[in-house]
mmCIF file of all heavy atoms, coordinates in Angstrom:
data_MODEL
# 
_entry.id   MODEL 
# 
loop_
_atom_site.group_PDB 
_atom_site.id 
_atom_site.type_symbol 
_atom_site.label_atom_id 
_atom_site.label_alt_id 
_atom_site.label_comp_id 
_atom_site.label_asym_id 
_atom_site.label_entity_id 
_atom_site.label_seq_id 
_atom_site.pdbx_PDB_ins_code 
_atom_site.Cartn_x 
_atom_site.Cartn_y 
_atom_site.Cartn_z 
_atom_site.occupancy 
_atom_site.B_iso_or_equiv 
_atom_site.pdbx_formal_charge 
_atom_site.auth_seq_id 
_atom_site.auth_comp_id 
_atom_site.auth_asym_id 
_atom_site.auth_atom_id 
_atom_site.pdbx_PDB_model_num 
ATOM 1   N N   . ASN A 1 1  ? 119.454 114.666 71.649 1.00 0.00 ? 1  ASN A N   1 
ATOM 2   C CA  . ASN A 1 1  ? 119.264 113.560 72.602 1.00 0.00 ? 1  ASN A CA  1 
ATOM 3   C C   . ASN A 1 1  ? 118.199 113.897 73.629 1.00 0.00 ? 1  ASN A C   1 
ATOM 4   O O   . ASN A 1 1  ? 117.384 113.035 73.999 1.00 0.00 ? 1  ASN A O   1 
ATOM 5   C CB  . ASN A 1 1  ? 120.582 113.239 73.309 1.00 0.00 ? 1  ASN A CB  1 
ATOM 6   C CG  . ASN A 1 1  ? 121.464 112.305 72.512 1.00 0.00 ? 1  ASN A CG  1 
ATOM 7   O OD1 . ASN A 1 1  ? 121.330 111.087 72.572 1.00 0.00 ? 1  ASN A OD1 1 
ATOM 8   N ND2 . ASN A 1 1  ? 122.371 112.855 71.726 1.00 0.00 ? 1  ASN A ND2 1 
ATOM 9   N N   . LEU A 1 2  ? 118.167 115.148 74.075 1.00 0.00 ? 2  LEU A N   1 
ATOM 10  C CA  . LEU A 1 2  ? 117.123 115.582 75.014 1.00 0.00 ? 2  LEU A CA  1 
ATOM 11  C C   . LEU A 1 2  ? 115.747 115.481 74.373 1.00 0.00 ? 2  LEU A C   1 
ATOM 12  O O   . LEU A 1 2  ? 114.777 115.023 75.018 1.00 0.00 ? 2  LEU A O   1 
ATOM 13  C CB  . LEU A 1 2  ? 117.401 117.031 75.452 1.00 0.00 ? 2  LEU A CB  1 
ATOM 14  C CG  . LEU A 1 2  ? 116.373 117.643 76.411 1.00 0.00 ? 2  LEU A CG  1 
ATOM 15  C CD1 . LEU A 1 2  ? 116.416 116.951 77.765 1.00 0.00 ? 2  LEU A CD1 1 
ATOM 16  C CD2 . LEU A 1 2  ? 116.624 119.141 76.585 1.00 0.00 ? 2  LEU A CD2 1 
ATOM 17  N N   . SER A 1 3  ? 115.648 115.873 73.107 1.00 0.00 ? 3  SER A N   1 
ATOM 18  C CA  . SER A 1 3  ? 114.373 115.788 72.383 1.00 0.00 ? 3  SER A CA  1 
ATOM 19  C C   . SER A 1 3  ? 113.908 114.351 72.245 1.00 0.00 ? 3  SER A C   1 
ATOM 20  O O   . SER A 1 3  ? 112.711 114.043 72.393 1.00 0.00 ? 3  SER A O   1 
ATOM 21  C CB  . SER A 1 3  ? 114.497 116.456 71.011 1.00 0.00 ? 3  SER A CB  1 
ATOM 22  O OG  . SER A 1 3  ? 114.691 117.831 71.126 1.00 0.00 ? 3  SER A OG  1 
ATOM 23  N N   . LEU A 1 4  ? 114.845 113.447 71.933 1.00 0.00 ? 4  LEU A N   1 
ATOM 24  C CA  . LEU A 1 4  ? 114.509 112.024 71.813 1.00 0.00 ? 4  LEU A CA  1 
ATOM 25  C C   . LEU A 1 4  ? 114.013 111.466 73.134 1.00 0.00 ? 4  LEU A C   1 
ATOM 26  O O   . LEU A 1 4  ? 113.000 110.761 73.183 1.00 0.00 ? 4  LEU A O   1 
ATOM 27  C CB  . LEU A 1 4  ? 115.732 111.252 71.329 1.00 0.00 ? 4  LEU A CB  1 
ATOM 28  C CG  . LEU A 1 4  ? 115.570 109.722 71.245 1.00 0.00 ? 4  LEU A CG  1 
ATOM 29  C CD1 . LEU A 1 4  ? 114.484 109.347 70.237 1.00 0.00 ? 4  LEU A CD1 1 
ATOM 30  C CD2 . LEU A 1 4  ? 116.894 109.058 70.865 1.00 0.00 ? 4  LEU A CD2 1 
ATOM 31  N N   . VAL A 1 5  ? 114.699 111.806 74.218 1.00 0.00 ? 5  VAL A N   1 
ATOM 32  C CA  . VAL A 1 5  ? 114.304 111.335 75.546 1.00 0.00 ? 5  VAL A CA  1 
ATOM 33  C C   . VAL A 1 5  ? 112.943 111.911 75.934 1.00 0.00 ? 5  VAL A C   1 
ATOM 34  O O   . VAL A 1 5  ? 112.114 111.207 76.535 1.00 0.00 ? 5  VAL A O   1 
ATOM 35  C CB  . VAL A 1 5  ? 115.371 111.690 76.598 1.00 0.00 ? 5  VAL A CB  1 
ATOM 36  C CG1 . VAL A 1 5  ? 114.865 111.420 78.020 1.00 0.00 ? 5  VAL A CG1 1 
ATOM 37  C CG2 . VAL A 1 5  ? 116.646 110.883 76.356 1.00 0.00 ? 5  VAL A CG2 1 
ATOM 38  N N   . ASP A 1 6  ? 112.667 113.168 75.581 1.00 0.00 ? 6  ASP A N   1 
ATOM 39  C CA  . ASP A 1 6  ? 111.378 113.776 75.895 1.00 0.00 ? 6  ASP A CA  1 
ATOM 40  C C   . ASP A 1 6  ? 110.225 113.077 75.155 1.00 0.00 ? 6  ASP A C   1 
ATOM 41  O O   . ASP A 1 6  ? 109.137 112.906 75.710 1.00 0.00 ? 6  ASP A O   1 
ATOM 42  C CB  . ASP A 1 6  ? 111.396 115.263 75.524 1.00 0.00 ? 6  ASP A CB  1 
ATOM 43  C CG  . ASP A 1 6  ? 112.036 116.125 76.597 1.00 0.00 ? 6  ASP A CG  1 
ATOM 44  O OD1 . ASP A 1 6  ? 112.186 115.633 77.729 1.00 0.00 ? 6  ASP A OD1 1 
ATOM 45  O OD2 . ASP A 1 6  ? 112.397 117.276 76.299 1.00 0.00 ? 6  ASP A OD2 1 
ATOM 46  N N   . ILE A 1 7  ? 110.469 112.669 73.906 1.00 0.00 ? 7  ILE A N   1 
ATOM 47  C CA  . ILE A 1 7  ? 109.461 111.919 73.165 1.00 0.00 ? 7  ILE A CA  1 
ATOM 48  C C   . ILE A 1 7  ? 109.179 110.587 73.865 1.00 0.00 ? 7  ILE A C   1 
ATOM 49  O O   . ILE A 1 7  ? 108.016 110.200 74.079 1.00 0.00 ? 7  ILE A O   1 
ATOM 50  C CB  . ILE A 1 7  ? 109.917 111.664 71.715 1.00 0.00 ? 7  ILE A CB  1 
ATOM 51  C CG1 . ILE A 1 7  ? 109.924 112.961 70.919 1.00 0.00 ? 7  ILE A CG1 1 
ATOM 52  C CG2 . ILE A 1 7  ? 108.989 110.656 71.019 1.00 0.00 ? 7  ILE A CG2 1 
ATOM 53  C CD1 . ILE A 1 7  ? 110.506 112.836 69.512 1.00 0.00 ? 7  ILE A CD1 1 
ATOM 54  N N   . CYS A 1 8  ? 110.244 109.894 74.236 1.00 0.00 ? 8  CYS A N   1 
ATOM 55  C CA  . CYS A 1 8  ? 110.094 108.581 74.925 1.00 0.00 ? 8  CYS A CA  1 
ATOM 56  C C   . CYS A 1 8  ? 109.449 108.767 76.290 1.00 0.00 ? 8  CYS A C   1 
ATOM 57  O O   . CYS A 1 8  ? 108.613 107.952 76.706 1.00 0.00 ? 8  CYS A O   1 
ATOM 58  C CB  . CYS A 1 8  ? 111.463 107.929 75.068 1.00 0.00 ? 8  CYS A CB  1 
ATOM 59  S SG  . CYS A 1 8  ? 112.265 107.509 73.524 1.00 0.00 ? 8  CYS A SG  1 
ATOM 60  N N   . PHE A 1 9  ? 109.845 109.821 76.998 1.00 0.00 ? 9  PHE A N   1 
ATOM 61  C CA  . PHE A 1 9  ? 109.330 110.111 78.336 1.00 0.00 ? 9  PHE A CA  1 
ATOM 62  C C   . PHE A 1 9  ? 107.811 110.295 78.307 1.00 0.00 ? 9  PHE A C   1 
ATOM 63  O O   . PHE A 1 9  ? 107.065 109.693 79.096 1.00 0.00 ? 9  PHE A O   1 
ATOM 64  C CB  . PHE A 1 9  ? 110.032 111.372 78.859 1.00 0.00 ? 9  PHE A CB  1 
ATOM 65  C CG  . PHE A 1 9  ? 109.593 111.834 80.208 1.00 0.00 ? 9  PHE A CG  1 
ATOM 66  C CD1 . PHE A 1 9  ? 109.681 111.002 81.312 1.00 0.00 ? 9  PHE A CD1 1 
ATOM 67  C CD2 . PHE A 1 9  ? 109.119 113.121 80.416 1.00 0.00 ? 9  PHE A CD2 1 
ATOM 68  C CE1 . PHE A 1 9  ? 109.293 111.423 82.579 1.00 0.00 ? 9  PHE A CE1 1 
ATOM 69  C CE2 . PHE A 1 9  ? 108.719 113.561 81.668 1.00 0.00 ? 9  PHE A CE2 1 
ATOM 70  C CZ  . PHE A 1 9  ? 108.820 112.706 82.748 1.00 0.00 ? 9  PHE A CZ  1 
ATOM 71  N N   . THR A 1 10 ? 107.347 111.110 77.371 1.00 0.00 ? 10 THR A N   1 
ATOM 72  C CA  . THR A 1 10 ? 105.904 111.369 77.249 1.00 0.00 ? 10 THR A CA  1 
ATOM 73  C C   . THR A 1 10 ? 105.164 110.143 76.748 1.00 0.00 ? 10 THR A C   1 
ATOM 74  O O   . THR A 1 10 ? 104.038 109.860 77.179 1.00 0.00 ? 10 THR A O   1 
ATOM 75  C CB  . THR A 1 10 ? 105.659 112.560 76.302 1.00 0.00 ? 10 THR A CB  1 
ATOM 76  O OG1 . THR A 1 10 ? 106.492 113.646 76.674 1.00 0.00 ? 10 THR A OG1 1 
ATOM 77  C CG2 . THR A 1 10 ? 104.212 113.008 76.348 1.00 0.00 ? 10 THR A CG2 1 
ATOM 78  N N   . SER A 1 11 ? 105.800 109.390 75.827 1.00 0.00 ? 11 SER A N   1 
ATOM 79  C CA  . SER A 1 11 ? 105.148 108.204 75.248 1.00 0.00 ? 11 SER A CA  1 
ATOM 80  C C   . SER A 1 11 ? 105.012 107.064 76.268 1.00 0.00 ? 11 SER A C   1 
ATOM 81  O O   . SER A 1 11 ? 104.262 106.120 76.037 1.00 0.00 ? 11 SER A O   1 
ATOM 82  C CB  . SER A 1 11 ? 105.956 107.702 74.050 1.00 0.00 ? 11 SER A CB  1 
ATOM 83  O OG  . SER A 1 11 ? 105.996 108.687 73.037 1.00 0.00 ? 11 SER A OG  1 
ATOM 84  N N   . THR A 1 12 ? 105.725 107.155 77.381 1.00 0.00 ? 12 THR A N   1 
ATOM 85  C CA  . THR A 1 12 ? 105.642 106.143 78.429 1.00 0.00 ? 12 THR A CA  1 
ATOM 86  C C   . THR A 1 12 ? 104.313 106.197 79.164 1.00 0.00 ? 12 THR A C   1 
ATOM 87  O O   . THR A 1 12 ? 103.786 105.160 79.609 1.00 0.00 ? 12 THR A O   1 
ATOM 88  C CB  . THR A 1 12 ? 106.799 106.330 79.432 1.00 0.00 ? 12 THR A CB  1 
ATOM 89  O OG1 . THR A 1 12 ? 108.037 106.195 78.745 1.00 0.00 ? 12 THR A OG1 1 
ATOM 90  C CG2 . THR A 1 12 ? 106.734 105.300 80.547 1.00 0.00 ? 12 THR A CG2 1 
ATOM 91  N N   . THR A 1 13 ? 103.730 107.385 79.292 1.00 0.00 ? 13 THR A N   1 
ATOM 92  C CA  . THR A 1 13 ? 102.539 107.555 80.121 1.00 0.00 ? 13 THR A CA  1 
ATOM 93  C C   . THR A 1 13 ? 101.263 107.932 79.358 1.00 0.00 ? 13 THR A C   1 
ATOM 94  O O   . THR A 1 13 ? 100.194 107.375 79.635 1.00 0.00 ? 13 THR A O   1 
ATOM 95  C CB  . THR A 1 13 ? 102.798 108.653 81.185 1.00 0.00 ? 13 THR A CB  1 
ATOM 96  O OG1 . THR A 1 13 ? 103.184 109.865 80.511 1.00 0.00 ? 13 THR A OG1 1 
ATOM 97  C CG2 . THR A 1 13 ? 103.943 108.230 82.122 1.00 0.00 ? 13 THR A CG2 1 
ATOM 98  N N   . ILE A 1 14 ? 101.368 108.872 78.427 1.00 0.00 ? 14 ILE A N   1 
ATOM 99  C CA  . ILE A 1 14 ? 100.163 109.454 77.823 1.00 0.00 ? 14 ILE A CA  1 
ATOM 100 C C   . ILE A 1 14 ? 99.364  108.471 76.950 1.00 0.00 ? 14 ILE A C   1 
ATOM 101 O O   . ILE A 1 14 ? 98.142  108.422 77.056 1.00 0.00 ? 14 ILE A O   1 
ATOM 102 C CB  . ILE A 1 14 ? 100.508 110.724 77.032 1.00 0.00 ? 14 ILE A CB  1 
ATOM 103 C CG1 . ILE A 1 14 ? 101.206 111.740 77.941 1.00 0.00 ? 14 ILE A CG1 1 
ATOM 104 C CG2 . ILE A 1 14 ? 99.245  111.344 76.439 1.00 0.00 ? 14 ILE A CG2 1 
ATOM 105 C CD1 . ILE A 1 14 ? 100.422 112.082 79.184 1.00 0.00 ? 14 ILE A CD1 1 
ATOM 106 N N   . PRO A 1 15 ? 100.011 107.682 76.052 1.00 0.00 ? 15 PRO A N   1 
ATOM 107 C CA  . PRO A 1 15 ? 99.207  106.771 75.212 1.00 0.00 ? 15 PRO A CA  1 
ATOM 108 C C   . PRO A 1 15 ? 98.336  105.814 76.026 1.00 0.00 ? 15 PRO A C   1 
ATOM 109 O O   . PRO A 1 15 ? 97.177  105.594 75.666 1.00 0.00 ? 15 PRO A O   1 
ATOM 110 C CB  . PRO A 1 15 ? 100.275 106.010 74.416 1.00 0.00 ? 15 PRO A CB  1 
ATOM 111 C CG  . PRO A 1 15 ? 101.420 106.968 74.318 1.00 0.00 ? 15 PRO A CG  1 
ATOM 112 C CD  . PRO A 1 15 ? 101.424 107.689 75.634 1.00 0.00 ? 15 PRO A CD  1 
ATOM 113 N N   . LYS A 1 16 ? 98.855  105.264 77.116 1.00 0.00 ? 16 LYS A N   1 
ATOM 114 C CA  . LYS A 1 16 ? 98.057  104.353 77.955 1.00 0.00 ? 16 LYS A CA  1 
ATOM 115 C C   . LYS A 1 16 ? 96.886  105.094 78.575 1.00 0.00 ? 16 LYS A C   1 
ATOM 116 O O   . LYS A 1 16 ? 95.766  104.555 78.649 1.00 0.00 ? 16 LYS A O   1 
ATOM 117 C CB  . LYS A 1 16 ? 98.957  103.744 79.034 1.00 0.00 ? 16 LYS A CB  1 
ATOM 118 C CG  . LYS A 1 16 ? 98.208  102.830 80.024 1.00 0.00 ? 16 LYS A CG  1 
ATOM 119 C CD  . LYS A 1 16 ? 97.499  101.677 79.330 1.00 0.00 ? 16 LYS A CD  1 
ATOM 120 C CE  . LYS A 1 16 ? 96.764  100.801 80.324 1.00 0.00 ? 16 LYS A CE  1 
ATOM 121 N NZ  . LYS A 1 16 ? 95.940  99.767  79.648 1.00 0.00 ? 16 LYS A NZ  1 
ATOM 122 N N   . MET A 1 17 ? 97.121  106.333 79.001 1.00 0.00 ? 17 MET A N   1 
ATOM 123 C CA  . MET A 1 17 ? 96.043  107.125 79.563 1.00 0.00 ? 17 MET A CA  1 
ATOM 124 C C   . MET A 1 17 ? 94.948  107.378 78.534 1.00 0.00 ? 17 MET A C   1 
ATOM 125 O O   . MET A 1 17 ? 93.744  107.248 78.821 1.00 0.00 ? 17 MET A O   1 
ATOM 126 C CB  . MET A 1 17 ? 96.615  108.465 80.055 1.00 0.00 ? 17 MET A CB  1 
ATOM 127 C CG  . MET A 1 17 ? 95.575  109.440 80.560 1.00 0.00 ? 17 MET A CG  1 
ATOM 128 S SD  . MET A 1 17 ? 96.296  111.062 80.834 1.00 0.00 ? 17 MET A SD  1 
ATOM 129 C CE  . MET A 1 17 ? 94.848  111.953 81.422 1.00 0.00 ? 17 MET A CE  1 
ATOM 130 N N   . LEU A 1 18 ? 95.332  107.700 77.306 1.00 0.00 ? 18 LEU A N   1 
ATOM 131 C CA  . LEU A 1 18 ? 94.363  107.955 76.234 1.00 0.00 ? 18 LEU A CA  1 
ATOM 132 C C   . LEU A 1 18 ? 93.570  106.693 75.893 1.00 0.00 ? 18 LEU A C   1 
ATOM 133 O O   . LEU A 1 18 ? 92.358  106.767 75.664 1.00 0.00 ? 18 LEU A O   1 
ATOM 134 C CB  . LEU A 1 18 ? 95.097  108.479 74.999 1.00 0.00 ? 18 LEU A CB  1 
ATOM 135 C CG  . LEU A 1 18 ? 95.806  109.832 75.139 1.00 0.00 ? 18 LEU A CG  1 
ATOM 136 C CD1 . LEU A 1 18 ? 96.549  110.176 73.865 1.00 0.00 ? 18 LEU A CD1 1 
ATOM 137 C CD2 . LEU A 1 18 ? 94.807  110.938 75.482 1.00 0.00 ? 18 LEU A CD2 1 
ATOM 138 N N   . VAL A 1 19 ? 94.250  105.550 75.865 1.00 0.00 ? 19 VAL A N   1 
ATOM 139 C CA  . VAL A 1 19 ? 93.583  104.285 75.585 1.00 0.00 ? 19 VAL A CA  1 
ATOM 140 C C   . VAL A 1 19 ? 92.554  103.971 76.660 1.00 0.00 ? 19 VAL A C   1 
ATOM 141 O O   . VAL A 1 19 ? 91.428  103.536 76.386 1.00 0.00 ? 19 VAL A O   1 
ATOM 142 C CB  . VAL A 1 19 ? 94.619  103.140 75.457 1.00 0.00 ? 19 VAL A CB  1 
ATOM 143 C CG1 . VAL A 1 19 ? 93.908  101.773 75.457 1.00 0.00 ? 19 VAL A CG1 1 
ATOM 144 C CG2 . VAL A 1 19 ? 95.442  103.294 74.201 1.00 0.00 ? 19 VAL A CG2 1 
ATOM 145 N N   . ASN A 1 20 ? 92.936  104.200 77.928 1.00 0.00 ? 20 ASN A N   1 
ATOM 146 C CA  . ASN A 1 20 ? 92.012  103.932 79.044 1.00 0.00 ? 20 ASN A CA  1 
ATOM 147 C C   . ASN A 1 20 ? 90.777  104.810 78.981 1.00 0.00 ? 20 ASN A C   1 
ATOM 148 O O   . ASN A 1 20 ? 89.652  104.363 79.250 1.00 0.00 ? 20 ASN A O   1 
ATOM 149 C CB  . ASN A 1 20 ? 92.736  104.142 80.379 1.00 0.00 ? 20 ASN A CB  1 
ATOM 150 C CG  . ASN A 1 20 ? 93.606  102.971 80.763 1.00 0.00 ? 20 ASN A CG  1 
ATOM 151 O OD1 . ASN A 1 20 ? 93.767  102.027 79.994 1.00 0.00 ? 20 ASN A OD1 1 
ATOM 152 N ND2 . ASN A 1 20 ? 94.182  103.012 81.953 1.00 0.00 ? 20 ASN A ND2 1 
ATOM 153 N N   . ILE A 1 21 ? 90.944  106.080 78.607 1.00 0.00 ? 21 ILE A N   1 
ATOM 154 C CA  . ILE A 1 21 ? 89.797  106.978 78.495 1.00 0.00 ? 21 ILE A CA  1 
ATOM 155 C C   . ILE A 1 21 ? 88.900  106.542 77.339 1.00 0.00 ? 21 ILE A C   1 
ATOM 156 O O   . ILE A 1 21 ? 87.672  106.493 77.469 1.00 0.00 ? 21 ILE A O   1 
ATOM 157 C CB  . ILE A 1 21 ? 90.270  108.440 78.289 1.00 0.00 ? 21 ILE A CB  1 
ATOM 158 C CG1 . ILE A 1 21 ? 90.972  108.973 79.523 1.00 0.00 ? 21 ILE A CG1 1 
ATOM 159 C CG2 . ILE A 1 21 ? 89.085  109.335 77.935 1.00 0.00 ? 21 ILE A CG2 1 
ATOM 160 C CD1 . ILE A 1 21 ? 91.570  110.351 79.358 1.00 0.00 ? 21 ILE A CD1 1 
ATOM 161 N N   . GLN A 1 22 ? 89.518  106.188 76.216 1.00 0.00 ? 22 GLN A N   1 
ATOM 162 C CA  . GLN A 1 22 ? 88.761  105.796 75.024 1.00 0.00 ? 22 GLN A CA  1 
ATOM 163 C C   . GLN A 1 22 ? 87.992  104.510 75.246 1.00 0.00 ? 22 GLN A C   1 
ATOM 164 O O   . GLN A 1 22 ? 86.861  104.354 74.767 1.00 0.00 ? 22 GLN A O   1 
ATOM 165 C CB  . GLN A 1 22 ? 89.716  105.658 73.836 1.00 0.00 ? 22 GLN A CB  1 
ATOM 166 C CG  . GLN A 1 22 ? 89.025  105.532 72.495 1.00 0.00 ? 22 GLN A CG  1 
ATOM 167 C CD  . GLN A 1 22 ? 88.271  106.782 72.076 1.00 0.00 ? 22 GLN A CD  1 
ATOM 168 O OE1 . GLN A 1 22 ? 88.542  107.867 72.616 1.00 0.00 ? 22 GLN A OE1 1 
ATOM 169 N NE2 . GLN A 1 22 ? 87.331  106.656 71.153 1.00 0.00 ? 22 GLN A NE2 1 
ATOM 170 N N   . THR A 1 23 ? 88.602  103.555 75.950 1.00 0.00 ? 23 THR A N   1 
ATOM 171 C CA  . THR A 1 23 ? 87.969  102.248 76.182 1.00 0.00 ? 23 THR A CA  1 
ATOM 172 C C   . THR A 1 23 ? 87.127  102.217 77.465 1.00 0.00 ? 23 THR A C   1 
ATOM 173 O O   . THR A 1 23 ? 86.537  101.190 77.795 1.00 0.00 ? 23 THR A O   1 
ATOM 174 C CB  . THR A 1 23 ? 89.026  101.138 76.257 1.00 0.00 ? 23 THR A CB  1 
ATOM 175 O OG1 . THR A 1 23 ? 89.936  101.422 77.316 1.00 0.00 ? 23 THR A OG1 1 
ATOM 176 C CG2 . THR A 1 23 ? 89.778  101.020 74.940 1.00 0.00 ? 23 THR A CG2 1 
ATOM 177 N N   . LYS A 1 24 ? 87.142  103.363 78.195 1.00 0.00 ? 24 LYS A N   1 
ATOM 178 C CA  . LYS A 1 24 ? 86.419  103.468 79.476 1.00 0.00 ? 24 LYS A CA  1 
ATOM 179 C C   . LYS A 1 24 ? 86.878  102.383 80.455 1.00 0.00 ? 24 LYS A C   1 
ATOM 180 O O   . LYS A 1 24 ? 86.076  101.780 81.186 1.00 0.00 ? 24 LYS A O   1 
ATOM 181 C CB  . LYS A 1 24 ? 84.906  103.397 79.251 1.00 0.00 ? 24 LYS A CB  1 
ATOM 182 C CG  . LYS A 1 24 ? 84.354  104.556 78.447 1.00 0.00 ? 24 LYS A CG  1 
ATOM 183 C CD  . LYS A 1 24 ? 82.846  104.449 78.271 1.00 0.00 ? 24 LYS A CD  1 
ATOM 184 C CE  . LYS A 1 24 ? 82.261  105.672 77.580 1.00 0.00 ? 24 LYS A CE  1 
ATOM 185 N NZ  . LYS A 1 24 ? 82.841  105.928 76.257 1.00 0.00 ? 24 LYS A NZ  1 
ATOM 186 N N   . SER A 1 25 ? 88.154  102.142 80.456 1.00 0.00 ? 25 SER A N   1 
ATOM 187 C CA  . SER A 1 25 ? 88.751  101.136 81.340 1.00 0.00 ? 25 SER A CA  1 
ATOM 188 C C   . SER A 1 25 ? 89.876  101.785 82.145 1.00 0.00 ? 25 SER A C   1 
ATOM 189 O O   . SER A 1 25 ? 90.627  102.627 81.626 1.00 0.00 ? 25 SER A O   1 
ATOM 190 C CB  . SER A 1 25 ? 89.298  99.958  80.535 1.00 0.00 ? 25 SER A CB  1 
ATOM 191 O OG  . SER A 1 25 ? 90.053  99.099  81.357 1.00 0.00 ? 25 SER A OG  1 
# 
């Protein structure tokens, strides 16, 4: 359960950050 929450926790912030860097937005 901790591992599942850690995946969700990281997926809340990092993908949006990567998209913003890639799109320069």
